[in-house]
C-alpha atoms as a PDB file:
ATOM      1  CA  MET A   1      -0.278   0.032  -0.225  1.00  0.00           C
ATOM      2  CA  THR A   2       1.450   3.342  -0.650  1.00  0.00           C
ATOM      3  CA  GLY A   3      -0.002   6.806  -0.281  1.00  0.00           C
ATOM      4  CA  GLN A   4       0.967  10.532  -1.294  1.00  0.00           C
ATOM      5  CA  VAL A   5       0.638  13.761   1.213  1.00  0.00           C
ATOM      6  CA  PHE A   6      -1.064  17.252  -0.776  1.00  0.00           C
ATOM      7  CA  SER A   7      -0.398  20.006   1.496  1.00  0.00           C
ATOM      8  CA  ASP A   8      -0.116  23.856   1.380  1.00  0.00           C
ATOM      9  CA  CYS A   9       2.687  23.753   3.936  1.00  0.00           C
ATOM     10  CA  LEU A  10       5.036  26.566   3.304  1.00  0.00           C
ATOM     11  CA  VAL A  11       8.275  24.265   3.351  1.00  0.00           C
ATOM     12  CA  PRO A  12       7.439  22.385   0.002  1.00  0.00           C
ATOM     13  CA  SER A  13      10.587  20.246   0.752  1.00  0.00           C
ATOM     14  CA  TYR A  14       9.399  18.805   3.712  1.00  0.00           C
ATOM     15  CA  ILE A  15       6.127  17.410   1.961  1.00  0.00           C
ATOM     16  CA  GLU A  16       8.325  16.206  -0.977  1.00  0.00           C
ATOM     17  CA  ALA A  17      10.552  14.129   1.575  1.00  0.00           C
ATOM     18  CA  ILE A  18       7.344  12.905   3.158  1.00  0.00           C
ATOM     19  CA  ASN A  19       6.150  11.355  -0.180  1.00  0.00           C
ATOM     20  CA  ARG A  20       9.519  10.065  -0.864  1.00  0.00           C
ATOM     21  CA  ILE A  21      10.007   8.109   2.438  1.00  0.00           C
ATOM     22  CA  ILE A  22       6.291   6.837   2.029  1.00  0.00           C
ATOM     23  CA  ASP A  23       7.475   5.806  -1.663  1.00  0.00           C
ATOM     24  CA  SER A  24      10.244   4.014  -0.203  1.00  0.00           C
ATOM     25  CA  GLY A  25       7.966   0.922   0.609  1.00  0.00           C
ATOM     26  CA  GLN A  26       9.523   0.809   4.095  1.00  0.00           C
ATOM     27  CA  ILE A  27       6.965   2.756   6.291  1.00  0.00           C
ATOM     28  CA  THR A  28       3.869   0.698   7.220  1.00  0.00           C
ATOM     29  CA  TYR A  29       0.520   1.919   8.241  1.00  0.00           C
ATOM     30  CA  ASP A  30       0.480   1.977  12.072  1.00  0.00           C
ATOM     31  CA  VAL A  31       2.177   2.750  15.076  1.00  0.00           C
ATOM     32  CA  ALA A  32       5.278   1.641  14.478  1.00  0.00           C
ATOM     33  CA  GLY A  33       5.333   2.699  10.547  1.00  0.00           C
ATOM     34  CA  MET A  34       4.497   6.375  11.465  1.00  0.00           C
ATOM     35  CA  LYS A  35       6.960   6.721  14.270  1.00  0.00           C
ATOM     36  CA  ASN A  36       9.500   5.646  11.634  1.00  0.00           C
ATOM     37  CA  LEU A  37       7.966   8.054   9.108  1.00  0.00           C
ATOM     38  CA  CYS A  38       9.062  10.800  11.892  1.00  0.00           C
ATOM     39  CA  SER A  39      12.191   9.707  12.836  1.00  0.00           C
ATOM     40  CA  GLN A  40      13.303   9.303   8.934  1.00  0.00           C
ATOM     41  CA  LEU A  41      12.390  12.855   9.013  1.00  0.00           C
ATOM     42  CA  ARG A  42      14.427  14.294  11.730  1.00  0.00           C
ATOM     43  CA  SER A  43      17.566  12.462   9.846  1.00  0.00           C
ATOM     44  CA  GLU A  44      16.346  13.596   6.460  1.00  0.00           C
ATOM     45  CA  PHE A  45      16.807  16.841   8.175  1.00  0.00           C
ATOM     46  CA  ALA A  46      19.281  17.074  10.624  1.00  0.00           C
ATOM     47  CA  ASP A  47      22.340  17.606   8.622  1.00  0.00           C
ATOM     48  CA  GLN A  48      21.515  20.785   6.773  1.00  0.00           C
ATOM     49  CA  SER A  49      22.501  23.875   8.206  1.00  0.00           C
ATOM     50  CA  ALA A  50      21.350  24.867  11.831  1.00  0.00           C
ATOM     51  CA  ASN A  51      19.073  27.396  11.099  1.00  0.00           C
ATOM     52  CA  GLU A  52      15.779  28.048  12.805  1.00  0.00           C
ATOM     53  CA  MET A  53      13.635  26.399  10.057  1.00  0.00           C
ATOM     54  CA  ASN A  54      15.632  23.367  10.206  1.00  0.00           C
ATOM     55  CA  ALA A  55      15.279  23.056  13.960  1.00  0.00           C
ATOM     56  CA  THR A  56      11.650  23.153  13.301  1.00  0.00           C
ATOM     57  CA  LEU A  57      11.561  20.672  10.911  1.00  0.00           C
ATOM     58  CA  ARG A  58      13.499  18.215  12.769  1.00  0.00           C
ATOM     59  CA  GLY A  59      12.403  18.668  16.607  1.00  0.00           C
ATOM     60  CA  GLN A  60       8.813  20.389  16.144  1.00  0.00           C
ATOM     61  CA  TYR A  61       7.637  19.237  13.030  1.00  0.00           C
ATOM     62  CA  PRO A  62       8.410  15.701  13.374  1.00  0.00           C
ATOM     63  CA  GLU A  63       6.929  15.370  16.642  1.00  0.00           C
ATOM     64  CA  GLU A  64       3.870  17.260  15.938  1.00  0.00           C
ATOM     65  CA  LEU A  65       2.864  14.893  12.475  1.00  0.00           C
ATOM     66  CA  GLY A  66       4.012  11.867  15.006  1.00  0.00           C
ATOM     67  CA  GLN A  67       1.411  12.440  17.798  1.00  0.00           C
ATOM     68  CA  TRP A  68      -1.071  13.150  14.986  1.00  0.00           C
ATOM     69  CA  LEU A  69      -0.973  10.198  13.179  1.00  0.00           C
ATOM     70  CA  VAL A  70      -0.196   7.955  16.266  1.00  0.00           C
ATOM     71  CA  SER A  71      -4.061   9.750  17.690  1.00  0.00           C
ATOM     72  CA  SER A  72      -5.518   9.192  14.772  1.00  0.00           C
ATOM     73  CA  ILE A  73      -4.945   5.078  14.003  1.00  0.00           C
END
């Protein structure tokens, strides 16, 4: 099963990263899979420069996304 995320997020690279991870086929659509997705997102943006937006992409965004996804399952 695959999926695709559409969003009006002001950071298109974040949505592209989510879709790339989903397309990899390594994500399961359960609590463990959603936590894995968020972990991969943190890693995806960990190596980028330490500006405020990248800190948000590593920390706040995956945390909030993970909480929402897990509560929706």
